Amino acid sequence: MLKEKHLHLFRMVQQRGAIPSGKGTVAFWESIRKEWNSLHKQHTYETWKGVKLAYERIKTQVERRIKNKGGPQ
């Protein structure tokens, strides 16, 4: 089940535009982690990989919901 905190992380990433692949990937996710941790003191991430993994899970759920509702494919 997607909660508001999940959608907030999803939106944070989406607002930054394209997610870099290769060079710049770690810096991108680290900046997301720092911003998230500053806003959410109760649920912080220790590494950039944790944020990336959480985002990927959320993205999969969002895409599945869109597909199940007959949205864009």
Protein backbone atom coordinates (compact mmCIF):
# COMPACT_ATOMS: atom_id res chain seq x y z
CA MET A 1 0.00 0.00 0.00
CA LEU A 2 1.34 3.39 -0.94
CA LYS A 3 1.37 5.92 1.85
CA GLU A 4 1.86 9.67 1.65
CA LYS A 5 5.56 9.31 2.55
CA HIS A 6 6.02 6.95 -0.42
CA LEU A 7 4.39 9.41 -2.78
CA HIS A 8 6.53 12.21 -1.36
CA LEU A 9 9.72 10.31 -2.17
CA PHE A 10 8.38 9.48 -5.63
CA ARG A 11 7.59 13.15 -6.30
CA MET A 12 10.98 14.32 -4.99
CA VAL A 13 12.75 12.13 -7.53
CA GLN A 14 10.37 12.93 -10.39
CA GLN A 15 10.74 16.69 -9.86
CA ARG A 16 14.48 16.45 -10.49
CA GLY A 17 13.97 15.12 -13.98
CA ALA A 18 15.90 12.30 -15.56
CA ILE A 19 17.72 9.98 -13.21
CA PRO A 20 21.35 9.79 -14.32
CA SER A 21 22.87 6.48 -15.25
CA GLY A 22 26.58 6.01 -14.94
CA LYS A 23 28.48 9.07 -13.80
CA GLY A 24 26.44 11.19 -11.44
CA THR A 25 24.22 8.39 -10.17
CA VAL A 26 25.63 8.31 -6.65
CA ALA A 27 25.58 12.09 -6.32
CA PHE A 28 21.96 12.21 -7.50
CA TRP A 29 20.76 9.61 -4.99
CA GLU A 30 22.89 11.06 -2.21
CA SER A 31 21.28 14.48 -2.73
CA ILE A 32 17.83 12.86 -2.56
CA ARG A 33 18.86 11.05 0.64
CA LYS A 34 20.09 14.25 2.29
CA GLU A 35 16.96 16.18 1.36
CA TRP A 36 14.71 13.35 2.53
CA ASN A 37 16.56 12.96 5.83
CA SER A 38 16.35 16.68 6.54
CA LEU A 39 12.57 16.60 6.05
CA HIS A 40 11.80 13.23 7.66
CA LYS A 41 13.65 12.85 10.95
CA GLN A 42 11.60 9.78 11.95
CA HIS A 43 12.38 7.74 8.82
CA THR A 44 15.85 8.38 7.52
CA TYR A 45 18.02 6.50 5.07
CA GLU A 46 21.60 5.65 5.94
CA THR A 47 22.82 5.15 2.38
CA TRP A 48 21.98 6.38 -1.09
CA LYS A 49 21.30 2.77 -2.10
CA GLY A 50 18.43 2.56 0.39
CA VAL A 51 16.75 5.58 -1.15
CA LYS A 52 17.25 4.22 -4.66
CA LEU A 53 15.81 0.84 -3.74
CA ALA A 54 12.79 2.44 -2.02
CA TYR A 55 12.14 4.63 -5.06
CA GLU A 56 12.35 1.66 -7.43
CA ARG A 57 9.81 -0.27 -5.35
CA ILE A 58 7.46 2.71 -5.22
CA LYS A 59 7.82 3.30 -8.97
CA THR A 60 6.92 -0.34 -9.65
CA GLN A 61 3.78 0.00 -7.53
CA VAL A 62 2.76 3.25 -9.23
CA GLU A 63 3.29 1.76 -12.69
CA ARG A 64 1.31 -1.36 -11.76
CA ARG A 65 -1.61 0.77 -10.53
CA ILE A 66 -1.63 2.83 -13.72
CA LYS A 67 -1.57 -0.30 -15.86
CA ASN A 68 -4.33 -1.99 -13.85
CA LYS A 69 -6.56 1.06 -14.22
CA GLY A 70 -6.09 1.14 -17.98
CA GLY A 71 -3.88 4.20 -17.94
CA PRO A 72 -0.90 5.00 -20.15
CA GLN A 73 1.22 1.98 -21.00
